[in-house]
C-alpha atoms as a PDB file:
ATOM      1  CA  MET A   1      -0.191   0.153  -0.066  1.00  0.00           C
ATOM      2  CA  LYS A   2       1.062   3.724  -0.937  1.00  0.00           C
ATOM      3  CA  ILE A   3       0.921   6.369   1.750  1.00  0.00           C
ATOM      4  CA  ALA A   4       2.283  10.034   1.538  1.00  0.00           C
ATOM      5  CA  VAL A   5       4.960  10.579   4.290  1.00  0.00           C
ATOM      6  CA  ASP A   6       2.888  13.320   6.126  1.00  0.00           C
ATOM      7  CA  ASP A   7      -0.331  11.673   6.017  1.00  0.00           C
ATOM      8  CA  LEU A   8       1.812   8.622   7.936  1.00  0.00           C
ATOM      9  CA  LYS A   9       3.429  10.784  10.503  1.00  0.00           C
ATOM     10  CA  LYS A  10      -0.223  12.331  11.178  1.00  0.00           C
ATOM     11  CA  PHE A  11      -1.731   8.825  11.807  1.00  0.00           C
ATOM     12  CA  CYS A  12       1.012   7.716  14.260  1.00  0.00           C
ATOM     13  CA  LYS A  13       1.002  11.149  15.888  1.00  0.00           C
ATOM     14  CA  GLU A  14      -2.876  11.135  16.352  1.00  0.00           C
ATOM     15  CA  ILE A  15      -2.650   7.131  17.882  1.00  0.00           C
ATOM     16  CA  LEU A  16       0.271   8.025  20.226  1.00  0.00           C
ATOM     17  CA  GLU A  17      -2.053  11.206  21.243  1.00  0.00           C
ATOM     18  CA  ARG A  18      -5.147   8.744  21.667  1.00  0.00           C
ATOM     19  CA  ASN A  19      -2.682   6.882  23.975  1.00  0.00           C
ATOM     20  CA  SER A  20      -2.170   9.849  26.365  1.00  0.00           C
ATOM     21  CA  VAL A  21       1.226  11.000  25.112  1.00  0.00           C
ATOM     22  CA  PRO A  22       1.860  14.535  25.088  1.00  0.00           C
ATOM     23  CA  ILE A  23       1.387  16.357  21.618  1.00  0.00           C
ATOM     24  CA  GLU A  24       4.945  17.524  21.459  1.00  0.00           C
ATOM     25  CA  GLU A  25       6.437  14.050  22.135  1.00  0.00           C
ATOM     26  CA  ALA A  26       3.922  12.296  19.836  1.00  0.00           C
ATOM     27  CA  GLU A  27       5.104  14.659  17.144  1.00  0.00           C
ATOM     28  CA  VAL A  28       8.782  14.022  18.079  1.00  0.00           C
ATOM     29  CA  ILE A  29       8.018   9.930  18.083  1.00  0.00           C
ATOM     30  CA  ALA A  30       5.943   9.981  14.880  1.00  0.00           C
ATOM     31  CA  ASP A  31       8.856  12.129  13.192  1.00  0.00           C
ATOM     32  CA  SER A  32      11.299   9.897  14.089  1.00  0.00           C
ATOM     33  CA  LEU A  33       9.465   6.628  12.999  1.00  0.00           C
ATOM     34  CA  VAL A  34       8.378   7.609   9.543  1.00  0.00           C
ATOM     35  CA  ASP A  35      11.783   9.503   8.998  1.00  0.00           C
ATOM     36  CA  ALA A  36      13.259   6.006   9.345  1.00  0.00           C
ATOM     37  CA  ASN A  37      10.728   4.874   6.709  1.00  0.00           C
ATOM     38  CA  THR A  38      11.661   7.964   4.413  1.00  0.00           C
ATOM     39  CA  ILE A  39      15.302   6.892   4.411  1.00  0.00           C
ATOM     40  CA  GLY A  40      14.661   3.212   3.941  1.00  0.00           C
ATOM     41  CA  VAL A  41      15.480   1.834   7.673  1.00  0.00           C
ATOM     42  CA  ASP A  42      12.068   0.065   7.681  1.00  0.00           C
ATOM     43  CA  SER A  43      13.254  -1.948  10.720  1.00  0.00           C
ATOM     44  CA  HIS A  44      13.094   1.271  12.970  1.00  0.00           C
ATOM     45  CA  GLY A  45      10.089   2.640  11.486  1.00  0.00           C
ATOM     46  CA  VAL A  46       6.145   2.395  11.895  1.00  0.00           C
ATOM     47  CA  THR A  47       6.548  -1.075  12.487  1.00  0.00           C
ATOM     48  CA  ARG A  48       7.448  -0.563  16.099  1.00  0.00           C
ATOM     49  CA  LEU A  49       4.249   1.360  16.594  1.00  0.00           C
ATOM     50  CA  SER A  50       2.478  -1.684  17.922  1.00  0.00           C
ATOM     51  CA  LEU A  51       5.238  -2.478  20.136  1.00  0.00           C
ATOM     52  CA  TYR A  52       5.524   1.036  21.719  1.00  0.00           C
ATOM     53  CA  LEU A  53       1.794   0.733  22.573  1.00  0.00           C
ATOM     54  CA  GLN A  54       2.164  -2.598  24.197  1.00  0.00           C
ATOM     55  CA  ARG A  55       4.905  -1.395  26.305  1.00  0.00           C
ATOM     56  CA  LEU A  56       2.763   1.777  27.240  1.00  0.00           C
ATOM     57  CA  LYS A  57      -0.354  -0.348  27.928  1.00  0.00           C
ATOM     58  CA  GLU A  58       2.210  -2.565  30.345  1.00  0.00           C
ATOM     59  CA  ALA A  59       3.590   0.502  31.889  1.00  0.00           C
ATOM     60  CA  THR A  60       6.761  -0.353  31.037  1.00  0.00           C
ATOM     61  CA  ILE A  61       7.554   2.875  29.279  1.00  0.00           C
ATOM     62  CA  ASN A  62       5.703   6.241  30.641  1.00  0.00           C
ATOM     63  CA  SER A  63       3.503   7.980  28.595  1.00  0.00           C
ATOM     64  CA  ASN A  64       5.425  11.512  29.474  1.00  0.00           C
ATOM     65  CA  THR A  65       8.875  12.166  29.516  1.00  0.00           C
ATOM     66  CA  LYS A  66       9.767  14.238  32.429  1.00  0.00           C
ATOM     67  CA  MET A  67      13.772  15.065  31.511  1.00  0.00           C
ATOM     68  CA  GLU A  68      15.635  16.019  34.932  1.00  0.00           C
ATOM     69  CA  ILE A  69      19.406  16.930  35.255  1.00  0.00           C
ATOM     70  CA  LEU A  70      21.216  15.080  37.618  1.00  0.00           C
ATOM     71  CA  ARG A  71      24.575  16.543  36.580  1.00  0.00           C
ATOM     72  CA  GLU A  72      25.818  19.341  34.771  1.00  0.00           C
ATOM     73  CA  THR A  73      29.303  21.554  33.680  1.00  0.00           C
ATOM     74  CA  GLU A  74      29.581  23.954  31.109  1.00  0.00           C
ATOM     75  CA  THR A  75      30.457  21.215  28.373  1.00  0.00           C
ATOM     76  CA  THR A  76      28.603  18.173  29.908  1.00  0.00           C
ATOM     77  CA  ALA A  77      25.185  17.309  31.323  1.00  0.00           C
ATOM     78  CA  LEU A  78      23.353  14.177  32.651  1.00  0.00           C
ATOM     79  CA  TYR A  79      19.981  13.798  32.080  1.00  0.00           C
ATOM     80  CA  ASP A  80      17.626  11.228  33.880  1.00  0.00           C
ATOM     81  CA  ALA A  81      14.673  10.470  31.214  1.00  0.00           C
ATOM     82  CA  ASN A  82      12.377   8.781  33.989  1.00  0.00           C
ATOM     83  CA  ASN A  83      11.607   5.838  31.961  1.00  0.00           C
ATOM     84  CA  GLY A  84      10.256   8.371  29.110  1.00  0.00           C
ATOM     85  CA  TRP A  85      10.514   8.206  25.408  1.00  0.00           C
ATOM     86  CA  GLY A  86      14.184   7.734  24.091  1.00  0.00           C
ATOM     87  CA  GLN A  87      13.003   9.791  20.877  1.00  0.00           C
ATOM     88  CA  TYR A  88      11.915  12.669  22.862  1.00  0.00           C
ATOM     89  CA  ALA A  89      15.004  12.568  25.411  1.00  0.00           C
ATOM     90  CA  GLY A  90      17.322  12.466  22.939  1.00  0.00           C
ATOM     91  CA  LYS A  91      15.850  15.694  20.789  1.00  0.00           C
ATOM     92  CA  ILE A  92      16.429  17.651  24.093  1.00  0.00           C
ATOM     93  CA  ALA A  93      19.716  16.175  24.872  1.00  0.00           C
ATOM     94  CA  MET A  94      20.939  16.744  21.667  1.00  0.00           C
ATOM     95  CA  GLN A  95      19.837  20.293  21.071  1.00  0.00           C
ATOM     96  CA  GLU A  96      21.343  20.819  24.510  1.00  0.00           C
ATOM     97  CA  ALA A  97      24.835  19.595  23.179  1.00  0.00           C
ATOM     98  CA  VAL A  98      24.722  21.704  19.880  1.00  0.00           C
ATOM     99  CA  LYS A  99      23.967  24.492  22.650  1.00  0.00           C
ATOM    100  CA  LYS A 100      26.941  24.278  24.460  1.00  0.00           C
ATOM    101  CA  ALA A 101      28.831  23.306  21.729  1.00  0.00           C
ATOM    102  CA  LYS A 102      28.386  26.550  20.222  1.00  0.00           C
ATOM    103  CA  LYS A 103      29.484  28.309  23.010  1.00  0.00           C
ATOM    104  CA  TYR A 104      32.397  26.022  24.444  1.00  0.00           C
ATOM    105  CA  GLY A 105      33.213  24.249  21.104  1.00  0.00           C
ATOM    106  CA  THR A 106      32.215  20.915  22.144  1.00  0.00           C
ATOM    107  CA  ALA A 107      29.714  19.127  24.569  1.00  0.00           C
ATOM    108  CA  THR A 108      29.188  16.156  25.616  1.00  0.00           C
ATOM    109  CA  ILE A 109      25.316  14.831  27.082  1.00  0.00           C
ATOM    110  CA  GLY A 110      24.407  11.695  28.674  1.00  0.00           C
ATOM    111  CA  VAL A 111      20.888  10.544  29.430  1.00  0.00           C
ATOM    112  CA  THR A 112      19.852   7.507  31.964  1.00  0.00           C
ATOM    113  CA  ASN A 113      16.661   5.753  32.676  1.00  0.00           C
ATOM    114  CA  SER A 114      15.144   5.676  28.867  1.00  0.00           C
ATOM    115  CA  ASN A 115      14.262   3.791  26.336  1.00  0.00           C
ATOM    116  CA  HIS A 116      14.632   3.013  22.591  1.00  0.00           C
ATOM    117  CA  PHE A 117      15.370   5.972  20.891  1.00  0.00           C
ATOM    118  CA  GLY A 118      14.482   4.974  17.172  1.00  0.00           C
ATOM    119  CA  THR A 119      17.447   5.580  14.564  1.00  0.00           C
ATOM    120  CA  ALA A 120      20.694   7.250  16.217  1.00  0.00           C
ATOM    121  CA  SER A 121      21.195   9.197  12.651  1.00  0.00           C
ATOM    122  CA  TYR A 122      17.835  11.190  13.844  1.00  0.00           C
ATOM    123  CA  PHE A 123      19.912  13.014  16.207  1.00  0.00           C
ATOM    124  CA  THR A 124      23.340  13.398  14.482  1.00  0.00           C
ATOM    125  CA  LYS A 125      21.441  15.203  11.766  1.00  0.00           C
ATOM    126  CA  MET A 126      19.856  17.656  13.962  1.00  0.00           C
ATOM    127  CA  ALA A 127      23.624  18.859  14.634  1.00  0.00           C
ATOM    128  CA  ALA A 128      24.607  18.585  11.481  1.00  0.00           C
ATOM    129  CA  LYS A 129      21.884  20.988  10.378  1.00  0.00           C
ATOM    130  CA  GLU A 130      23.340  23.386  13.178  1.00  0.00           C
ATOM    131  CA  ASN A 131      26.921  23.379  11.652  1.00  0.00           C
ATOM    132  CA  CYS A 132      27.933  20.945  14.536  1.00  0.00           C
ATOM    133  CA  ILE A 133      29.592  17.572  13.873  1.00  0.00           C
ATOM    134  CA  GLY A 134      26.895  15.287  15.756  1.00  0.00           C
ATOM    135  CA  ILE A 135      27.655  12.164  17.627  1.00  0.00           C
ATOM    136  CA  ALA A 136      25.441   9.751  18.682  1.00  0.00           C
ATOM    137  CA  MET A 137      25.296   6.192  20.801  1.00  0.00           C
ATOM    138  CA  CYS A 138      22.881   4.027  22.983  1.00  0.00           C
ATOM    139  CA  ASN A 139      22.990   0.564  24.654  1.00  0.00           C
ATOM    140  CA  THR A 140      20.170  -1.931  23.815  1.00  0.00           C
ATOM    141  CA  THR A 141      18.785  -5.111  24.581  1.00  0.00           C
ATOM    142  CA  PRO A 142      21.235  -8.070  25.273  1.00  0.00           C
ATOM    143  CA  ILE A 143      20.257 -10.033  22.227  1.00  0.00           C
ATOM    144  CA  MET A 144      23.874 -10.226  20.764  1.00  0.00           C
ATOM    145  CA  VAL A 145      26.831 -12.663  21.486  1.00  0.00           C
ATOM    146  CA  SER A 146      29.916 -11.274  21.950  1.00  0.00           C
ATOM    147  CA  TRP A 147      32.473 -12.518  19.514  1.00  0.00           C
ATOM    148  CA  GLY A 148      33.744 -16.171  20.183  1.00  0.00           C
ATOM    149  CA  SER A 149      30.453 -16.487  22.844  1.00  0.00           C
ATOM    150  CA  ASN A 150      27.140 -18.517  22.625  1.00  0.00           C
ATOM    151  CA  GLU A 151      25.703 -16.091  25.447  1.00  0.00           C
ATOM    152  CA  PRO A 152      23.954 -12.661  24.518  1.00  0.00           C
ATOM    153  CA  THR A 153      25.685  -9.827  26.639  1.00  0.00           C
ATOM    154  CA  LEU A 154      25.626  -7.277  24.460  1.00  0.00           C
ATOM    155  CA  GLY A 155      23.087  -5.271  22.233  1.00  0.00           C
ATOM    156  CA  THR A 156      23.407  -4.162  18.853  1.00  0.00           C
ATOM    157  CA  ASN A 157      24.455  -0.967  20.320  1.00  0.00           C
ATOM    158  CA  PRO A 158      24.361   1.648  17.568  1.00  0.00           C
ATOM    159  CA  LEU A 159      26.625   4.594  16.652  1.00  0.00           C
ATOM    160  CA  SER A 160      25.829   7.537  14.146  1.00  0.00           C
ATOM    161  CA  ILE A 161      28.308  10.479  13.184  1.00  0.00           C
ATOM    162  CA  ALA A 162      27.121  13.283  10.818  1.00  0.00           C
ATOM    163  CA  ILE A 163      29.191  15.726   9.444  1.00  0.00           C
ATOM    164  CA  PRO A 164      27.792  19.373   7.821  1.00  0.00           C
ATOM    165  CA  THR A 165      28.554  19.709   4.174  1.00  0.00           C
ATOM    166  CA  ASN A 166      27.504  22.381   1.534  1.00  0.00           C
ATOM    167  CA  ARG A 167      24.678  19.716   0.408  1.00  0.00           C
ATOM    168  CA  HIS A 168      23.142  17.332   2.664  1.00  0.00           C
ATOM    169  CA  PRO A 169      25.244  15.817   5.335  1.00  0.00           C
ATOM    170  CA  VAL A 170      27.690  12.942   5.069  1.00  0.00           C
ATOM    171  CA  VAL A 171      26.152  10.631   7.856  1.00  0.00           C
ATOM    172  CA  LEU A 172      27.109   7.040   9.323  1.00  0.00           C
ATOM    173  CA  ASP A 173      24.562   5.083  11.099  1.00  0.00           C
ATOM    174  CA  MET A 174      25.372   1.563  11.856  1.00  0.00           C
ATOM    175  CA  ALA A 175      24.333  -1.147  14.441  1.00  0.00           C
ATOM    176  CA  THR A 176      27.066  -3.238  15.870  1.00  0.00           C
ATOM    177  CA  SER A 177      25.563  -6.549  14.680  1.00  0.00           C
ATOM    178  CA  ASN A 178      25.400  -7.826  11.095  1.00  0.00           C
ATOM    179  CA  VAL A 179      22.087  -6.580  10.931  1.00  0.00           C
ATOM    180  CA  ALA A 180      19.565  -4.901  13.116  1.00  0.00           C
ATOM    181  CA  ARG A 181      16.658  -7.014  14.801  1.00  0.00           C
ATOM    182  CA  GLY A 182      14.088  -4.972  13.547  1.00  0.00           C
ATOM    183  CA  LYS A 183      14.923  -6.568   9.899  1.00  0.00           C
ATOM    184  CA  ILE A 184      14.283 -10.182  11.427  1.00  0.00           C
ATOM    185  CA  ASN A 185      11.120  -9.022  12.789  1.00  0.00           C
ATOM    186  CA  LEU A 186      10.033  -7.791   9.180  1.00  0.00           C
ATOM    187  CA  ALA A 187      11.400 -10.530   7.779  1.00  0.00           C
ATOM    188  CA  ALA A 188       9.085 -12.922   9.994  1.00  0.00           C
ATOM    189  CA  LYS A 189       6.145 -10.772   9.638  1.00  0.00           C
ATOM    190  CA  ASP A 190       6.190 -10.877   5.958  1.00  0.00           C
ATOM    191  CA  GLY A 191       6.785 -14.535   6.062  1.00  0.00           C
ATOM    192  CA  GLU A 192      10.632 -14.144   4.583  1.00  0.00           C
ATOM    193  CA  GLU A 193      13.807 -16.077   5.101  1.00  0.00           C
ATOM    194  CA  ILE A 194      16.733 -14.280   6.302  1.00  0.00           C
ATOM    195  CA  PRO A 195      20.522 -14.562   5.173  1.00  0.00           C
ATOM    196  CA  THR A 196      22.938 -16.799   6.879  1.00  0.00           C
ATOM    197  CA  GLY A 197      25.191 -14.872   9.243  1.00  0.00           C
ATOM    198  CA  TRP A 198      22.704 -12.519  10.451  1.00  0.00           C
ATOM    199  CA  ALA A 199      21.861 -14.657  13.738  1.00  0.00           C
ATOM    200  CA  ILE A 200      22.174 -17.798  15.475  1.00  0.00           C
ATOM    201  CA  THR A 201      19.539 -20.160  17.314  1.00  0.00           C
ATOM    202  CA  LYS A 202      19.401 -20.540  21.085  1.00  0.00           C
ATOM    203  CA  GLU A 203      21.675 -23.632  20.420  1.00  0.00           C
ATOM    204  CA  GLY A 204      24.209 -21.791  18.861  1.00  0.00           C
ATOM    205  CA  LYS A 205      23.446 -23.010  15.185  1.00  0.00           C
ATOM    206  CA  ASP A 206      22.985 -20.923  11.720  1.00  0.00           C
ATOM    207  CA  THR A 207      19.630 -20.386  10.640  1.00  0.00           C
ATOM    208  CA  THR A 208      17.887 -18.853   8.181  1.00  0.00           C
ATOM    209  CA  ASP A 209      14.225 -19.038   9.803  1.00  0.00           C
ATOM    210  CA  PRO A 210      13.596 -15.705  11.083  1.00  0.00           C
ATOM    211  CA  HIS A 211      11.258 -16.972  13.778  1.00  0.00           C
ATOM    212  CA  GLU A 212      14.157 -19.131  14.939  1.00  0.00           C
ATOM    213  CA  ALA A 213      16.419 -16.026  14.833  1.00  0.00           C
ATOM    214  CA  LEU A 214      14.155 -14.226  17.112  1.00  0.00           C
ATOM    215  CA  LYS A 215      14.544 -17.199  19.575  1.00  0.00           C
ATOM    216  CA  GLY A 216      18.192 -17.265  19.627  1.00  0.00           C
ATOM    217  CA  TYR A 217      20.597 -14.276  19.286  1.00  0.00           C
ATOM    218  CA  LEU A 218      22.277 -11.993  16.663  1.00  0.00           C
ATOM    219  CA  LEU A 219      25.612 -11.914  15.597  1.00  0.00           C
ATOM    220  CA  PRO A 220      28.270  -9.314  15.864  1.00  0.00           C
ATOM    221  CA  LEU A 221      29.977  -7.474  13.163  1.00  0.00           C
ATOM    222  CA  GLY A 222      32.748  -9.813  13.541  1.00  0.00           C
ATOM    223  CA  PRO A 223      35.436  -8.846  16.397  1.00  0.00           C
ATOM    224  CA  LYS A 224      35.447  -5.315  15.691  1.00  0.00           C
ATOM    225  CA  GLY A 225      31.674  -4.696  15.983  1.00  0.00           C
ATOM    226  CA  SER A 226      31.637  -6.886  19.081  1.00  0.00           C
ATOM    227  CA  GLY A 227      34.624  -4.620  20.750  1.00  0.00           C
ATOM    228  CA  LEU A 228      32.553  -1.435  19.625  1.00  0.00           C
ATOM    229  CA  ALA A 229      29.291  -2.582  20.960  1.00  0.00           C
ATOM    230  CA  MET A 230      31.166  -3.117  24.372  1.00  0.00           C
ATOM    231  CA  MET A 231      32.498   0.179  24.264  1.00  0.00           C
ATOM    232  CA  ILE A 232      29.245   1.799  23.610  1.00  0.00           C
ATOM    233  CA  ASP A 233      27.569   0.036  26.436  1.00  0.00           C
ATOM    234  CA  ILE A 234      30.086   1.265  28.683  1.00  0.00           C
ATOM    235  CA  MET A 235      29.799   4.616  27.635  1.00  0.00           C
ATOM    236  CA  SER A 236      26.380   4.926  27.270  1.00  0.00           C
ATOM    237  CA  GLY A 237      25.204   2.609  30.161  1.00  0.00           C
ATOM    238  CA  VAL A 238      28.011   2.110  32.635  1.00  0.00           C
ATOM    239  CA  MET A 239      29.157   5.865  32.381  1.00  0.00           C
ATOM    240  CA  THR A 240      25.677   7.127  32.700  1.00  0.00           C
ATOM    241  CA  GLY A 241      24.142   4.925  35.460  1.00  0.00           C
ATOM    242  CA  ALA A 242      21.999   3.120  33.470  1.00  0.00           C
ATOM    243  CA  LEU A 243      21.670  -0.603  32.990  1.00  0.00           C
ATOM    244  CA  PHE A 244      24.317  -2.474  30.920  1.00  0.00           C
ATOM    245  CA  GLY A 245      24.973  -5.697  29.236  1.00  0.00           C
ATOM    246  CA  LYS A 246      22.906  -8.494  30.023  1.00  0.00           C
ATOM    247  CA  ASP A 247      20.934  -6.825  32.989  1.00  0.00           C
ATOM    248  CA  ILE A 248      18.630  -4.836  30.257  1.00  0.00           C
ATOM    249  CA  PRO A 249      15.423  -5.971  30.120  1.00  0.00           C
ATOM    250  CA  ARG A 250      14.597  -7.246  26.589  1.00  0.00           C
ATOM    251  CA  MET A 251      12.217  -4.984  24.767  1.00  0.00           C
ATOM    252  CA  TYR A 252      10.208  -7.549  23.145  1.00  0.00           C
ATOM    253  CA  ASP A 253       9.839 -10.263  25.882  1.00  0.00           C
ATOM    254  CA  ASP A 254      10.383  -8.675  29.282  1.00  0.00           C
ATOM    255  CA  LYS A 255       7.652  -6.657  31.262  1.00  0.00           C
ATOM    256  CA  GLU A 256       9.730  -4.108  33.084  1.00  0.00           C
ATOM    257  CA  PRO A 257      11.299  -0.697  32.185  1.00  0.00           C
ATOM    258  CA  GLN A 258      14.606  -1.106  30.050  1.00  0.00           C
ATOM    259  CA  ARG A 259      16.286   1.961  31.682  1.00  0.00           C
ATOM    260  CA  LEU A 260      18.508   2.416  28.885  1.00  0.00           C
ATOM    261  CA  GLY A 261      21.576   4.734  28.318  1.00  0.00           C
ATOM    262  CA  HIS A 262      22.647   7.099  25.570  1.00  0.00           C
ATOM    263  CA  LEU A 263      25.064   9.486  24.733  1.00  0.00           C
ATOM    264  CA  PHE A 264      25.475  12.867  22.374  1.00  0.00           C
ATOM    265  CA  MET A 265      28.204  14.502  21.660  1.00  0.00           C
ATOM    266  CA  ALA A 266      28.289  18.136  19.147  1.00  0.00           C
ATOM    267  CA  ILE A 267      31.438  19.503  17.996  1.00  0.00           C
ATOM    268  CA  ASP A 268      31.427  23.015  16.125  1.00  0.00           C
ATOM    269  CA  PRO A 269      34.082  22.710  13.386  1.00  0.00           C
ATOM    270  CA  GLU A 270      34.548  26.438  13.721  1.00  0.00           C
ATOM    271  CA  CYS A 271      36.799  26.066  16.829  1.00  0.00           C
ATOM    272  CA  PHE A 272      39.508  24.528  14.444  1.00  0.00           C
ATOM    273  CA  ILE A 273      38.623  26.346  10.951  1.00  0.00           C
ATOM    274  CA  GLU A 274      36.253  28.559   9.470  1.00  0.00           C
ATOM    275  CA  ILE A 275      32.916  26.644   8.801  1.00  0.00           C
ATOM    276  CA  GLU A 276      32.810  27.934   5.023  1.00  0.00           C
ATOM    277  CA  THR A 277      36.541  26.626   5.074  1.00  0.00           C
ATOM    278  CA  PHE A 278      35.596  23.360   6.561  1.00  0.00           C
ATOM    279  CA  LYS A 279      32.573  22.886   3.870  1.00  0.00           C
ATOM    280  CA  SER A 280      34.604  23.483   1.094  1.00  0.00           C
ATOM    281  CA  ARG A 281      37.454  21.048   1.926  1.00  0.00           C
ATOM    282  CA  MET A 282      34.297  18.725   2.376  1.00  0.00           C
ATOM    283  CA  ASP A 283      33.343  19.425  -1.114  1.00  0.00           C
ATOM    284  CA  GLU A 284      36.701  18.166  -1.987  1.00  0.00           C
ATOM    285  CA  ARG A 285      36.759  15.020   0.105  1.00  0.00           C
ATOM    286  CA  ILE A 286      32.880  14.295  -1.142  1.00  0.00           C
ATOM    287  CA  GLU A 287      34.204  14.481  -4.817  1.00  0.00           C
ATOM    288  CA  GLN A 288      37.372  12.165  -4.343  1.00  0.00           C
ATOM    289  CA  THR A 289      34.970   9.632  -3.401  1.00  0.00           C
ATOM    290  CA  VAL A 290      31.963  10.026  -5.696  1.00  0.00           C
ATOM    291  CA  LYS A 291      34.167  10.641  -8.709  1.00  0.00           C
ATOM    292  CA  SER A 292      36.398   7.304  -7.905  1.00  0.00           C
ATOM    293  CA  THR A 293      36.297   4.511 -10.192  1.00  0.00           C
ATOM    294  CA  PRO A 294      33.591   1.948  -9.307  1.00  0.00           C
ATOM    295  CA  ALA A 295      34.587  -1.526  -8.930  1.00  0.00           C
ATOM    296  CA  ASP A 296      33.152  -4.247 -10.918  1.00  0.00           C
ATOM    297  CA  GLY A 297      29.488  -4.833 -10.837  1.00  0.00           C
ATOM    298  CA  TYR A 298      29.247  -1.311  -9.241  1.00  0.00           C
ATOM    299  CA  GLU A 299      27.798   1.691 -10.837  1.00  0.00           C
ATOM    300  CA  GLN A 300      28.239   4.539  -8.630  1.00  0.00           C
ATOM    301  CA  VAL A 301      30.348   5.155  -5.179  1.00  0.00           C
ATOM    302  CA  TYR A 302      28.652   6.941  -2.414  1.00  0.00           C
ATOM    303  CA  MET A 303      29.208   8.791   0.573  1.00  0.00           C
ATOM    304  CA  PRO A 304      27.678   7.611   3.868  1.00  0.00           C
ATOM    305  CA  GLY A 305      24.355   8.688   4.081  1.00  0.00           C
ATOM    306  CA  ASP A 306      23.575   9.352   0.107  1.00  0.00           C
ATOM    307  CA  ILE A 307      21.252   6.462  -0.249  1.00  0.00           C
ATOM    308  CA  GLU A 308      19.498   7.185   2.438  1.00  0.00           C
ATOM    309  CA  GLU A 309      19.007  10.936   1.303  1.00  0.00           C
ATOM    310  CA  MET A 310      18.009   9.266  -2.238  1.00  0.00           C
ATOM    311  CA  ASN A 311      15.537   7.196  -0.562  1.00  0.00           C
ATOM    312  CA  ARG A 312      14.251  10.331   1.037  1.00  0.00           C
ATOM    313  CA  GLU A 313      14.075  12.485  -1.953  1.00  0.00           C
ATOM    314  CA  LYS A 314      11.595   9.342  -3.659  1.00  0.00           C
ATOM    315  CA  HIS A 315       9.555   8.616  -0.568  1.00  0.00           C
ATOM    316  CA  GLU A 316       8.443  12.383  -0.358  1.00  0.00           C
ATOM    317  CA  ARG A 317       7.753  12.850  -3.979  1.00  0.00           C
ATOM    318  CA  GLU A 318       6.227   9.095  -4.484  1.00  0.00           C
ATOM    319  CA  GLY A 319       5.166   8.193  -1.160  1.00  0.00           C
ATOM    320  CA  LEU A 320       5.930   5.104   1.172  1.00  0.00           C
ATOM    321  CA  THR A 321       5.114   1.592   0.379  1.00  0.00           C
ATOM    322  CA  LEU A 322       3.925  -0.325   3.219  1.00  0.00           C
ATOM    323  CA  SER A 323       3.798  -4.382   3.174  1.00  0.00           C
ATOM    324  CA  THR A 324       0.102  -5.995   3.245  1.00  0.00           C
ATOM    325  CA  ALA A 325       0.944  -7.128   6.841  1.00  0.00           C
ATOM    326  CA  LEU A 326       2.252  -3.795   8.065  1.00  0.00           C
ATOM    327  CA  TYR A 327      -0.546  -2.079   6.542  1.00  0.00           C
ATOM    328  CA  GLU A 328      -3.243  -4.502   7.917  1.00  0.00           C
ATOM    329  CA  GLU A 329      -1.404  -3.820  11.251  1.00  0.00           C
ATOM    330  CA  LEU A 330      -1.468  -0.399  11.297  1.00  0.00           C
ATOM    331  CA  ARG A 331      -5.409  -0.115  10.111  1.00  0.00           C
ATOM    332  CA  ALA A 332      -6.150  -2.677  13.042  1.00  0.00           C
ATOM    333  CA  LEU A 333      -4.804   0.237  15.183  1.00  0.00           C
ATOM    334  CA  GLY A 334      -6.650   2.962  13.645  1.00  0.00           C
ATOM    335  CA  THR A 335      -9.705   1.128  13.832  1.00  0.00           C
ATOM    336  CA  LYS A 336      -8.995   0.700  17.527  1.00  0.00           C
ATOM    337  CA  TYR A 337      -8.474   4.238  18.379  1.00  0.00           C
ATOM    338  CA  ASP A 338     -10.447   5.722  15.697  1.00  0.00           C
ATOM    339  CA  VAL A 339      -7.704   7.163  13.439  1.00  0.00           C
ATOM    340  CA  SER A 340      -8.147   6.929  10.024  1.00  0.00           C
ATOM    341  CA  ILE A 341      -5.063   5.541   7.915  1.00  0.00           C
END
């Protein structure tokens, strides 16, 4: 089914409002979810809406987010999200990081006692639009094994970095697993198999069955992905006072607050070089990559974030295509809460 981007945002926002989420927060959550679909990251898009509502119903997440500053210096702050929405907490934290970076050059903001915050790039792009370099990371449900282990003690712990340029930002947004768990959920929902190497069963065996994979564990992006996931868990979880490692409740299965940690950083390039000079040098850096000779089997070389930006342009122009299963799921929500889609 095809649906316009703005129409899908409006639908999600109204559904959240009907569930006692404040308007300002509902707008951020809806925008984040649909933004994920718009850039082609469907695993973090509106497919998560039903799960969010279920956790809200189970009181494992609060309907409103009360951001409380626990510690603060000129260039740092630690917020307690009080079991509120990760997307809203992330927006407040990154806005504060940019504000401090504009004054002091750089800033690092931690968030504790929070929840799933969607795509990390949603926040780093906020910084890039303000001519700052944005960095965001978060620890997540322990559904991934460390390299060489069959016991899950790591989340897929994402990392995003966004760089301002004269065009759209250069954006890295990566999970530290071979794939986001949301893609396996989508495969299960759509009745599709998954590639070998995405996950293992509870017994530690390779599988292409998404249902067995969901009962089992994700695999890290090699030993480097495993190590990076560990460092993100330490910085966003251990350091902020949030839960970490295997102590984090599973978002899909456990009926208790997750108490996740996030870390946001902003750097003002003007502390090092004039912003226009920086962007001009970025033009050269981008050109070196995109005009390099493609390898056999490739037509074009891209910078990080280029494909997502092309997806955005296409979807804003042509609308989003939802699978039949997802559309029916959303329509059922609409019927339940008297919101049309």
